[in-house]
Amino acid sequence: MRLHCHDAGLPEPTVQLPVLGARGRAHRWIDLGWEEAKAGLEYDGEEAHGADRRHSDRRRHNVLEDDGWAMFYATDHDIYGNPGVLMAQVERAITRRSRGEGRAR
């Protein structure tokens, strides 16, 4: 996923980006993140996502969205099929949010 970001010309993401909670401690981690733009990219692997994990992931997603993060999710189809569509979406979000558009402050 990181290589696809590089090949698409995206800025270098932070790997396992810690997201700080109200007390200043990391309470969430994003697989690949662009902190200034508040954009994140997660890999949703089929093998690791049963019903319990899916519920936990959705709660986590809601917390990040509520905190102003634009979150994107890659599946095996994105990674091994046509990653260009997802990379273009992430790029647009990073560009837009880096200019201060479409982002809660």
PDB file of N, CA and C in Angstrom:
ATOM      1  N   MET A   1       0.827  -1.173   0.000  1.00  0.00           N
ATOM      2  CA  MET A   1       0.000   0.000   0.000  1.00  0.00           C
ATOM      3  C   MET A   1       0.879   1.246   0.000  1.00  0.00           C
ATOM      4  N   ARG A   2       1.920   1.200   0.805  1.00  0.00           N
ATOM      5  CA  ARG A   2       2.843   2.336   0.873  1.00  0.00           C
ATOM      6  C   ARG A   2       3.538   2.555  -0.464  1.00  0.00           C
ATOM      7  N   LEU A   3       3.892   1.485  -1.141  1.00  0.00           N
ATOM      8  CA  LEU A   3       4.532   1.584  -2.447  1.00  0.00           C
ATOM      9  C   LEU A   3       3.576   2.197  -3.469  1.00  0.00           C
ATOM     10  N   HIS A   4       2.309   1.837  -3.406  1.00  0.00           N
ATOM     11  CA  HIS A   4       1.324   2.439  -4.311  1.00  0.00           C
ATOM     12  C   HIS A   4       1.229   3.943  -4.063  1.00  0.00           C
ATOM     13  N   CYS A   5       1.282   4.353  -2.813  1.00  0.00           N
ATOM     14  CA  CYS A   5       1.257   5.786  -2.493  1.00  0.00           C
ATOM     15  C   CYS A   5       2.473   6.476  -3.109  1.00  0.00           C
ATOM     16  N   HIS A   6       3.621   5.856  -2.953  1.00  0.00           N
ATOM     17  CA  HIS A   6       4.858   6.408  -3.523  1.00  0.00           C
ATOM     18  C   HIS A   6       4.756   6.503  -5.042  1.00  0.00           C
ATOM     19  N   ASP A   7       4.325   5.412  -5.672  1.00  0.00           N
ATOM     20  CA  ASP A   7       4.212   5.381  -7.130  1.00  0.00           C
ATOM     21  C   ASP A   7       3.203   6.399  -7.654  1.00  0.00           C
ATOM     22  N   ALA A   8       2.191   6.719  -6.845  1.00  0.00           N
ATOM     23  CA  ALA A   8       1.176   7.702  -7.242  1.00  0.00           C
ATOM     24  C   ALA A   8       1.652   9.139  -7.015  1.00  0.00           C
ATOM     25  N   GLY A   9       2.830   9.298  -6.425  1.00  0.00           N
ATOM     26  CA  GLY A   9       3.362  10.637  -6.194  1.00  0.00           C
ATOM     27  C   GLY A   9       2.802  11.329  -4.969  1.00  0.00           C
ATOM     28  N   LEU A  10       2.207  10.562  -4.065  1.00  0.00           N
ATOM     29  CA  LEU A  10       1.673  11.153  -2.841  1.00  0.00           C
ATOM     30  C   LEU A  10       2.823  11.563  -1.924  1.00  0.00           C
ATOM     31  N   PRO A  11       2.591  12.545  -1.063  1.00  0.00           N
ATOM     32  CA  PRO A  11       3.615  12.854  -0.064  1.00  0.00           C
ATOM     33  C   PRO A  11       3.889  11.626   0.805  1.00  0.00           C
ATOM     34  N   GLU A  12       5.075  11.573   1.370  1.00  0.00           N
ATOM     35  CA  GLU A  12       5.445  10.438   2.222  1.00  0.00           C
ATOM     36  C   GLU A  12       4.520  10.379   3.439  1.00  0.00           C
ATOM     37  N   PRO A  13       3.811   9.252   3.636  1.00  0.00           N
ATOM     38  CA  PRO A  13       2.938   9.146   4.807  1.00  0.00           C
ATOM     39  C   PRO A  13       3.738   8.736   6.043  1.00  0.00           C
ATOM     40  N   THR A  14       3.170   8.992   7.186  1.00  0.00           N
ATOM     41  CA  THR A  14       3.716   8.453   8.426  1.00  0.00           C
ATOM     42  C   THR A  14       3.101   7.079   8.619  1.00  0.00           C
ATOM     43  N   VAL A  15       3.944   6.093   8.865  1.00  0.00           N
ATOM     44  CA  VAL A  15       3.482   4.721   9.080  1.00  0.00           C
ATOM     45  C   VAL A  15       3.103   4.565  10.550  1.00  0.00           C
ATOM     46  N   GLN A  16       1.945   3.956  10.779  1.00  0.00           N
ATOM     47  CA  GLN A  16       1.415   3.779  12.136  1.00  0.00           C
ATOM     48  C   GLN A  16       1.383   5.115  12.876  1.00  0.00           C
ATOM     49  N   LEU A  17       0.720   6.071  12.254  1.00  0.00           N
ATOM     50  CA  LEU A  17       0.600   7.424  12.800  1.00  0.00           C
ATOM     51  C   LEU A  17      -0.237   7.407  14.075  1.00  0.00           C
ATOM     52  N   PRO A  18       0.332   7.853  15.198  1.00  0.00           N
ATOM     53  CA  PRO A  18      -0.464   7.906  16.431  1.00  0.00           C
ATOM     54  C   PRO A  18      -1.407   9.110  16.403  1.00  0.00           C
ATOM     55  N   VAL A  19      -2.640   8.885  16.804  1.00  0.00           N
ATOM     56  CA  VAL A  19      -3.630   9.953  16.917  1.00  0.00           C
ATOM     57  C   VAL A  19      -3.833  10.192  18.400  1.00  0.00           C
ATOM     58  N   LEU A  20      -3.596  11.414  18.816  1.00  0.00           N
ATOM     59  CA  LEU A  20      -3.648  11.738  20.242  1.00  0.00           C
ATOM     60  C   LEU A  20      -5.072  12.006  20.693  1.00  0.00           C
ATOM     61  N   GLY A  21      -5.381  11.563  21.882  1.00  0.00           N
ATOM     62  CA  GLY A  21      -6.681  11.808  22.488  1.00  0.00           C
ATOM     63  C   GLY A  21      -6.664  13.111  23.262  1.00  0.00           C
ATOM     64  N   ALA A  22      -7.729  13.383  23.971  1.00  0.00           N
ATOM     65  CA  ALA A  22      -7.883  14.619  24.728  1.00  0.00           C
ATOM     66  C   ALA A  22      -6.800  14.800  25.788  1.00  0.00           C
ATOM     67  N   ARG A  23      -6.276  13.712  26.300  1.00  0.00           N
ATOM     68  CA  ARG A  23      -5.242  13.790  27.339  1.00  0.00           C
ATOM     69  C   ARG A  23      -3.831  13.813  26.767  1.00  0.00           C
ATOM     70  N   GLY A  24      -3.721  13.912  25.438  1.00  0.00           N
ATOM     71  CA  GLY A  24      -2.415  13.995  24.809  1.00  0.00           C
ATOM     72  C   GLY A  24      -1.699  12.666  24.632  1.00  0.00           C
ATOM     73  N   ARG A  25      -2.422  11.569  24.840  1.00  0.00           N
ATOM     74  CA  ARG A  25      -1.823  10.243  24.661  1.00  0.00           C
ATOM     75  C   ARG A  25      -2.404   9.591  23.418  1.00  0.00           C
ATOM     76  N   ALA A  26      -1.588   8.773  22.769  1.00  0.00           N
ATOM     77  CA  ALA A  26      -2.065   8.061  21.578  1.00  0.00           C
ATOM     78  C   ALA A  26      -3.196   7.115  21.978  1.00  0.00           C
ATOM     79  N   HIS A  27      -4.303   7.237  21.275  1.00  0.00           N
ATOM     80  CA  HIS A  27      -5.426   6.334  21.555  1.00  0.00           C
ATOM     81  C   HIS A  27      -5.873   5.599  20.297  1.00  0.00           C
ATOM     82  N   ARG A  28      -5.357   5.987  19.158  1.00  0.00           N
ATOM     83  CA  ARG A  28      -5.630   5.316  17.892  1.00  0.00           C
ATOM     84  C   ARG A  28      -4.357   5.395  17.054  1.00  0.00           C
ATOM     85  N   TRP A  29      -4.203   4.451  16.148  1.00  0.00           N
ATOM     86  CA  TRP A  29      -3.090   4.479  15.199  1.00  0.00           C
ATOM     87  C   TRP A  29      -3.665   4.275  13.818  1.00  0.00           C
ATOM     88  N   ILE A  30      -3.127   4.996  12.852  1.00  0.00           N
ATOM     89  CA  ILE A  30      -3.568   4.899  11.463  1.00  0.00           C
ATOM     90  C   ILE A  30      -2.440   4.243  10.667  1.00  0.00           C
ATOM     91  N   ASP A  31      -2.775   3.249   9.846  1.00  0.00           N
ATOM     92  CA  ASP A  31      -1.755   2.525   9.083  1.00  0.00           C
ATOM     93  C   ASP A  31      -0.822   3.485   8.343  1.00  0.00           C
ATOM     94  N   LEU A  32      -1.387   4.338   7.517  1.00  0.00           N
ATOM     95  CA  LEU A  32      -0.634   5.376   6.813  1.00  0.00           C
ATOM     96  C   LEU A  32      -1.390   6.683   6.998  1.00  0.00           C
ATOM     97  N   GLY A  33      -0.705   7.725   7.436  1.00  0.00           N
ATOM     98  CA  GLY A  33      -1.398   8.974   7.698  1.00  0.00           C
ATOM     99  C   GLY A  33      -0.608  10.195   7.270  1.00  0.00           C
ATOM    100  N   TRP A  34      -1.362  11.218   6.924  1.00  0.00           N
ATOM    101  CA  TRP A  34      -0.820  12.526   6.587  1.00  0.00           C
ATOM    102  C   TRP A  34      -1.400  13.481   7.623  1.00  0.00           C
ATOM    103  N   GLU A  35      -0.626  13.726   8.672  1.00  0.00           N
ATOM    104  CA  GLU A  35      -1.140  14.425   9.845  1.00  0.00           C
ATOM    105  C   GLU A  35      -1.618  15.836   9.538  1.00  0.00           C
ATOM    106  N   GLU A  36      -0.840  16.602   8.784  1.00  0.00           N
ATOM    107  CA  GLU A  36      -1.241  17.984   8.516  1.00  0.00           C
ATOM    108  C   GLU A  36      -2.570  18.053   7.766  1.00  0.00           C
ATOM    109  N   ALA A  37      -2.789  17.120   6.857  1.00  0.00           N
ATOM    110  CA  ALA A  37      -4.034  17.081   6.096  1.00  0.00           C
ATOM    111  C   ALA A  37      -5.144  16.351   6.845  1.00  0.00           C
ATOM    112  N   LYS A  38      -4.786  15.679   7.926  1.00  0.00           N
ATOM    113  CA  LYS A  38      -5.729  14.834   8.668  1.00  0.00           C
ATOM    114  C   LYS A  38      -6.414  13.846   7.728  1.00  0.00           C
ATOM    115  N   ALA A  39      -5.585  13.138   6.959  1.00  0.00           N
ATOM    116  CA  ALA A  39      -6.065  12.101   6.043  1.00  0.00           C
ATOM    117  C   ALA A  39      -5.350  10.806   6.389  1.00  0.00           C
ATOM    118  N   GLY A  40      -6.095   9.718   6.357  1.00  0.00           N
ATOM    119  CA  GLY A  40      -5.523   8.430   6.702  1.00  0.00           C
ATOM    120  C   GLY A  40      -5.942   7.347   5.732  1.00  0.00           C
ATOM    121  N   LEU A  41      -5.081   6.337   5.617  1.00  0.00           N
ATOM    122  CA  LEU A  41      -5.339   5.195   4.742  1.00  0.00           C
ATOM    123  C   LEU A  41      -5.088   3.927   5.546  1.00  0.00           C
ATOM    124  N   GLU A  42      -6.090   3.085   5.588  1.00  0.00           N
ATOM    125  CA  GLU A  42      -6.030   1.824   6.325  1.00  0.00           C
ATOM    126  C   GLU A  42      -6.169   0.672   5.352  1.00  0.00           C
ATOM    127  N   TYR A  43      -5.537  -0.452   5.689  1.00  0.00           N
ATOM    128  CA  TYR A  43      -5.711  -1.669   4.902  1.00  0.00           C
ATOM    129  C   TYR A  43      -6.681  -2.580   5.637  1.00  0.00           C
ATOM    130  N   ASP A  44      -7.755  -2.944   4.980  1.00  0.00           N
ATOM    131  CA  ASP A  44      -8.738  -3.872   5.537  1.00  0.00           C
ATOM    132  C   ASP A  44      -8.524  -5.235   4.900  1.00  0.00           C
ATOM    133  N   GLY A  45      -7.696  -6.048   5.545  1.00  0.00           N
ATOM    134  CA  GLY A  45      -7.452  -7.395   5.049  1.00  0.00           C
ATOM    135  C   GLY A  45      -8.598  -8.327   5.379  1.00  0.00           C
ATOM    136  N   GLU A  46      -8.949  -9.157   4.468  1.00  0.00           N
ATOM    137  CA  GLU A  46     -10.072 -10.089   4.636  1.00  0.00           C
ATOM    138  C   GLU A  46      -9.874 -11.015   5.828  1.00  0.00           C
ATOM    139  N   GLU A  47      -8.655 -11.498   6.011  1.00  0.00           N
ATOM    140  CA  GLU A  47      -8.401 -12.497   7.043  1.00  0.00           C
ATOM    141  C   GLU A  47      -8.523 -11.948   8.459  1.00  0.00           C
ATOM    142  N   ALA A  48      -8.373 -10.651   8.647  1.00  0.00           N
ATOM    143  CA  ALA A  48      -8.341 -10.092  10.000  1.00  0.00           C
ATOM    144  C   ALA A  48      -9.647  -9.428  10.410  1.00  0.00           C
ATOM    145  N   HIS A  49     -10.692  -9.549   9.614  1.00  0.00           N
ATOM    146  CA  HIS A  49     -11.888  -8.774   9.906  1.00  0.00           C
ATOM    147  C   HIS A  49     -13.136  -9.629  10.023  1.00  0.00           C
ATOM    148  N   GLY A  50     -13.293 -10.231  11.182  1.00  0.00           N
ATOM    149  CA  GLY A  50     -14.527 -10.924  11.496  1.00  0.00           C
ATOM    150  C   GLY A  50     -15.535  -9.919  12.036  1.00  0.00           C
ATOM    151  N   ALA A  51     -16.659 -10.400  12.495  1.00  0.00           N
ATOM    152  CA  ALA A  51     -17.722  -9.515  12.971  1.00  0.00           C
ATOM    153  C   ALA A  51     -17.282  -8.663  14.155  1.00  0.00           C
ATOM    154  N   ASP A  52     -16.590  -9.252  15.137  1.00  0.00           N
ATOM    155  CA  ASP A  52     -16.155  -8.476  16.301  1.00  0.00           C
ATOM    156  C   ASP A  52     -15.193  -7.372  15.891  1.00  0.00           C
ATOM    157  N   ARG A  53     -14.253  -7.708  15.037  1.00  0.00           N
ATOM    158  CA  ARG A  53     -13.275  -6.725  14.586  1.00  0.00           C
ATOM    159  C   ARG A  53     -13.944  -5.630  13.766  1.00  0.00           C
ATOM    160  N   ARG A  54     -14.903  -6.005  12.948  1.00  0.00           N
ATOM    161  CA  ARG A  54     -15.610  -5.032  12.121  1.00  0.00           C
ATOM    162  C   ARG A  54     -16.328  -4.006  13.002  1.00  0.00           C
ATOM    163  N   HIS A  55     -16.949  -4.458  14.085  1.00  0.00           N
ATOM    164  CA  HIS A  55     -17.636  -3.538  15.000  1.00  0.00           C
ATOM    165  C   HIS A  55     -16.624  -2.587  15.635  1.00  0.00           C
ATOM    166  N   SER A  56     -15.510  -3.117  16.076  1.00  0.00           N
ATOM    167  CA  SER A  56     -14.456  -2.300  16.671  1.00  0.00           C
ATOM    168  C   SER A  56     -13.913  -1.287  15.661  1.00  0.00           C
ATOM    169  N   ASP A  57     -13.697  -1.741  14.432  1.00  0.00           N
ATOM    170  CA  ASP A  57     -13.195  -0.852  13.379  1.00  0.00           C
ATOM    171  C   ASP A  57     -14.173   0.271  13.081  1.00  0.00           C
ATOM    172  N   ARG A  58     -15.452  -0.013  13.082  1.00  0.00           N
ATOM    173  CA  ARG A  58     -16.454   1.029  12.801  1.00  0.00           C
ATOM    174  C   ARG A  58     -16.484   2.068  13.922  1.00  0.00           C
ATOM    175  N   ARG A  59     -16.386   1.620  15.172  1.00  0.00           N
ATOM    176  CA  ARG A  59     -16.328   2.574  16.290  1.00  0.00           C
ATOM    177  C   ARG A  59     -15.090   3.452  16.155  1.00  0.00           C
ATOM    178  N   ARG A  60     -13.971   2.827  15.832  1.00  0.00           N
ATOM    179  CA  ARG A  60     -12.713   3.536  15.639  1.00  0.00           C
ATOM    180  C   ARG A  60     -12.843   4.557  14.508  1.00  0.00           C
ATOM    181  N   HIS A  61     -13.443   4.141  13.402  1.00  0.00           N
ATOM    182  CA  HIS A  61     -13.662   5.033  12.266  1.00  0.00           C
ATOM    183  C   HIS A  61     -14.505   6.238  12.681  1.00  0.00           C
ATOM    184  N   ASN A  62     -15.560   5.991  13.426  1.00  0.00           N
ATOM    185  CA  ASN A  62     -16.429   7.084  13.867  1.00  0.00           C
ATOM    186  C   ASN A  62     -15.686   8.085  14.742  1.00  0.00           C
ATOM    187  N   VAL A  63     -14.814   7.592  15.621  1.00  0.00           N
ATOM    188  CA  VAL A  63     -14.012   8.481  16.478  1.00  0.00           C
ATOM    189  C   VAL A  63     -13.095   9.339  15.618  1.00  0.00           C
ATOM    190  N   LEU A  64     -12.423   8.724  14.655  1.00  0.00           N
ATOM    191  CA  LEU A  64     -11.505   9.472  13.789  1.00  0.00           C
ATOM    192  C   LEU A  64     -12.257  10.497  12.942  1.00  0.00           C
ATOM    193  N   GLU A  65     -13.378  10.106  12.374  1.00  0.00           N
ATOM    194  CA  GLU A  65     -14.181  11.040  11.575  1.00  0.00           C
ATOM    195  C   GLU A  65     -14.674  12.202  12.438  1.00  0.00           C
ATOM    196  N   ASP A  66     -15.104  11.894  13.651  1.00  0.00           N
ATOM    197  CA  ASP A  66     -15.584  12.927  14.560  1.00  0.00           C
ATOM    198  C   ASP A  66     -14.468  13.905  14.924  1.00  0.00           C
ATOM    199  N   ASP A  67     -13.236  13.429  14.880  1.00  0.00           N
ATOM    200  CA  ASP A  67     -12.075  14.265  15.176  1.00  0.00           C
ATOM    201  C   ASP A  67     -11.567  14.998  13.935  1.00  0.00           C
ATOM    202  N   GLY A  68     -12.264  14.855  12.807  1.00  0.00           N
ATOM    203  CA  GLY A  68     -11.912  15.609  11.615  1.00  0.00           C
ATOM    204  C   GLY A  68     -11.021  14.902  10.611  1.00  0.00           C
ATOM    205  N   TRP A  69     -10.811  13.599  10.782  1.00  0.00           N
ATOM    206  CA  TRP A  69      -9.970  12.845   9.861  1.00  0.00           C
ATOM    207  C   TRP A  69     -10.784  12.374   8.655  1.00  0.00           C
ATOM    208  N   ALA A  70     -10.185  12.446   7.477  1.00  0.00           N
ATOM    209  CA  ALA A  70     -10.751  11.833   6.270  1.00  0.00           C
ATOM    210  C   ALA A  70     -10.087  10.475   6.147  1.00  0.00           C
ATOM    211  N   MET A  71     -10.861   9.431   6.281  1.00  0.00           N
ATOM    212  CA  MET A  71     -10.310   8.077   6.292  1.00  0.00           C
ATOM    213  C   MET A  71     -10.666   7.336   5.006  1.00  0.00           C
ATOM    214  N   PHE A  72      -9.672   6.616   4.494  1.00  0.00           N
ATOM    215  CA  PHE A  72      -9.830   5.791   3.308  1.00  0.00           C
ATOM    216  C   PHE A  72      -9.412   4.378   3.676  1.00  0.00           C
ATOM    217  N   TYR A  73     -10.026   3.399   3.003  1.00  0.00           N
ATOM    218  CA  TYR A  73      -9.783   2.002   3.325  1.00  0.00           C
ATOM    219  C   TYR A  73      -9.455   1.226   2.053  1.00  0.00           C
ATOM    220  N   ALA A  74      -8.313   0.577   2.058  1.00  0.00           N
ATOM    221  CA  ALA A  74      -7.889  -0.242   0.927  1.00  0.00           C
ATOM    222  C   ALA A  74      -8.196  -1.699   1.224  1.00  0.00           C
ATOM    223  N   THR A  75      -8.665  -2.397   0.218  1.00  0.00           N
ATOM    224  CA  THR A  75      -8.878  -3.842   0.320  1.00  0.00           C
ATOM    225  C   THR A  75      -7.874  -4.531  -0.606  1.00  0.00           C
ATOM    226  N   ASP A  76      -7.896  -5.842  -0.601  1.00  0.00           N
ATOM    227  CA  ASP A  76      -6.993  -6.569  -1.494  1.00  0.00           C
ATOM    228  C   ASP A  76      -7.261  -6.224  -2.954  1.00  0.00           C
ATOM    229  N   HIS A  77      -8.507  -5.902  -3.310  1.00  0.00           N
ATOM    230  CA  HIS A  77      -8.830  -5.512  -4.682  1.00  0.00           C
ATOM    231  C   HIS A  77      -8.139  -4.204  -5.057  1.00  0.00           C
ATOM    232  N   ASP A  78      -8.051  -3.297  -4.089  1.00  0.00           N
ATOM    233  CA  ASP A  78      -7.369  -2.020  -4.343  1.00  0.00           C
ATOM    234  C   ASP A  78      -5.866  -2.228  -4.492  1.00  0.00           C
ATOM    235  N   ILE A  79      -5.308  -3.068  -3.665  1.00  0.00           N
ATOM    236  CA  ILE A  79      -3.861  -3.273  -3.658  1.00  0.00           C
ATOM    237  C   ILE A  79      -3.407  -4.087  -4.865  1.00  0.00           C
ATOM    238  N   TYR A  80      -4.115  -5.174  -5.171  1.00  0.00           N
ATOM    239  CA  TYR A  80      -3.672  -6.072  -6.230  1.00  0.00           C
ATOM    240  C   TYR A  80      -4.409  -5.870  -7.550  1.00  0.00           C
ATOM    241  N   GLY A  81      -5.451  -5.080  -7.541  1.00  0.00           N
ATOM    242  CA  GLY A  81      -6.221  -4.846  -8.760  1.00  0.00           C
ATOM    243  C   GLY A  81      -5.868  -3.516  -9.386  1.00  0.00           C
ATOM    244  N   ASN A  82      -6.701  -2.517  -9.108  1.00  0.00           N
ATOM    245  CA  ASN A  82      -6.505  -1.191  -9.685  1.00  0.00           C
ATOM    246  C   ASN A  82      -6.357  -0.170  -8.567  1.00  0.00           C
ATOM    247  N   PRO A  83      -5.139   0.039  -8.063  1.00  0.00           N
ATOM    248  CA  PRO A  83      -4.950   0.976  -6.960  1.00  0.00           C
ATOM    249  C   PRO A  83      -5.086   2.438  -7.375  1.00  0.00           C
ATOM    250  N   GLY A  84      -5.067   2.718  -8.664  1.00  0.00           N
ATOM    251  CA  GLY A  84      -5.095   4.103  -9.140  1.00  0.00           C
ATOM    252  C   GLY A  84      -6.308   4.890  -8.686  1.00  0.00           C
ATOM    253  N   VAL A  85      -7.465   4.262  -8.663  1.00  0.00           N
ATOM    254  CA  VAL A  85      -8.697   4.957  -8.265  1.00  0.00           C
ATOM    255  C   VAL A  85      -8.589   5.424  -6.810  1.00  0.00           C
ATOM    256  N   LEU A  86      -8.218   4.525  -5.916  1.00  0.00           N
ATOM    257  CA  LEU A  86      -8.094   4.871  -4.502  1.00  0.00           C
ATOM    258  C   LEU A  86      -6.984   5.898  -4.284  1.00  0.00           C
ATOM    259  N   MET A  87      -5.857   5.732  -4.959  1.00  0.00           N
ATOM    260  CA  MET A  87      -4.746   6.674  -4.796  1.00  0.00           C
ATOM    261  C   MET A  87      -5.154   8.076  -5.237  1.00  0.00           C
ATOM    262  N   ALA A  88      -5.949   8.169  -6.306  1.00  0.00           N
ATOM    263  CA  ALA A  88      -6.433   9.470  -6.776  1.00  0.00           C
ATOM    264  C   ALA A  88      -7.362  10.104  -5.740  1.00  0.00           C
ATOM    265  N   GLN A  89      -8.203   9.298  -5.103  1.00  0.00           N
ATOM    266  CA  GLN A  89      -9.104   9.822  -4.069  1.00  0.00           C
ATOM    267  C   GLN A  89      -8.309  10.343  -2.880  1.00  0.00           C
ATOM    268  N   VAL A  90      -7.317   9.582  -2.458  1.00  0.00           N
ATOM    269  CA  VAL A  90      -6.479   9.999  -1.328  1.00  0.00           C
ATOM    270  C   VAL A  90      -5.718  11.276  -1.695  1.00  0.00           C
ATOM    271  N   GLU A  91      -5.182  11.320  -2.890  1.00  0.00           N
ATOM    272  CA  GLU A  91      -4.444  12.511  -3.328  1.00  0.00           C
ATOM    273  C   GLU A  91      -5.323  13.756  -3.313  1.00  0.00           C
ATOM    274  N   ARG A  92      -6.544  13.639  -3.823  1.00  0.00           N
ATOM    275  CA  ARG A  92      -7.458  14.790  -3.819  1.00  0.00           C
ATOM    276  C   ARG A  92      -7.756  15.247  -2.392  1.00  0.00           C
ATOM    277  N   ALA A  93      -7.955  14.298  -1.492  1.00  0.00           N
ATOM    278  CA  ALA A  93      -8.239  14.666  -0.097  1.00  0.00           C
ATOM    279  C   ALA A  93      -7.041  15.361   0.536  1.00  0.00           C
ATOM    280  N   ILE A  94      -5.842  14.851   0.316  1.00  0.00           N
ATOM    281  CA  ILE A  94      -4.645  15.469   0.883  1.00  0.00           C
ATOM    282  C   ILE A  94      -4.480  16.884   0.339  1.00  0.00           C
ATOM    283  N   THR A  95      -4.630  17.047  -0.963  1.00  0.00           N
ATOM    284  CA  THR A  95      -4.482  18.358  -1.591  1.00  0.00           C
ATOM    285  C   THR A  95      -5.523  19.339  -1.054  1.00  0.00           C
ATOM    286  N   ARG A  96      -6.769  18.924  -1.047  1.00  0.00           N
ATOM    287  CA  ARG A  96      -7.869  19.772  -0.591  1.00  0.00           C
ATOM    288  C   ARG A  96      -7.693  20.156   0.883  1.00  0.00           C
ATOM    289  N   ARG A  97      -7.357  19.187   1.709  1.00  0.00           N
ATOM    290  CA  ARG A  97      -7.252  19.424   3.141  1.00  0.00           C
ATOM    291  C   ARG A  97      -5.989  20.201   3.486  1.00  0.00           C
ATOM    292  N   SER A  98      -4.955  20.052   2.703  1.00  0.00           N
ATOM    293  CA  SER A  98      -3.727  20.820   2.940  1.00  0.00           C
ATOM    294  C   SER A  98      -3.946  22.297   2.686  1.00  0.00           C
ATOM    295  N   ARG A  99      -4.929  22.601   1.832  1.00  0.00           N
ATOM    296  CA  ARG A  99      -5.314  23.989   1.569  1.00  0.00           C
ATOM    297  C   ARG A  99      -6.350  24.478   2.574  1.00  0.00           C
ATOM    298  N   GLY A 100      -6.767  23.596   3.479  1.00  0.00           N
ATOM    299  CA  GLY A 100      -7.742  23.972   4.500  1.00  0.00           C
ATOM    300  C   GLY A 100      -9.185  23.805   4.081  1.00  0.00           C
ATOM    301  N   GLU A 101      -9.420  23.148   2.949  1.00  0.00           N
ATOM    302  CA  GLU A 101     -10.787  22.940   2.463  1.00  0.00           C
ATOM    303  C   GLU A 101     -11.329  21.616   2.978  1.00  0.00           C
ATOM    304  N   GLY A 102     -12.589  21.596   3.364  1.00  0.00           N
ATOM    305  CA  GLY A 102     -13.257  20.348   3.699  1.00  0.00           C
ATOM    306  C   GLY A 102     -12.733  19.670   4.953  1.00  0.00           C
ATOM    307  N   ARG A 103     -12.234  20.463   5.883  1.00  0.00           N
ATOM    308  CA  ARG A 103     -11.641  19.873   7.089  1.00  0.00           C
ATOM    309  C   ARG A 103     -12.096  20.645   8.307  1.00  0.00           C
ATOM    310  N   ALA A 104     -12.540  19.917   9.310  1.00  0.00           N
ATOM    311  CA  ALA A 104     -12.895  20.562  10.586  1.00  0.00           C
ATOM    312  C   ALA A 104     -11.612  21.050  11.251  1.00  0.00           C
ATOM    313  N   ARG A 105     -11.674  22.186  11.827  1.00  0.00           N
ATOM    314  CA  ARG A 105     -10.464  22.742  12.486  1.00  0.00           C
ATOM    315  C   ARG A 105     -10.575  22.681  13.973  1.00  0.00           C
TER     316      ARG A 105
END
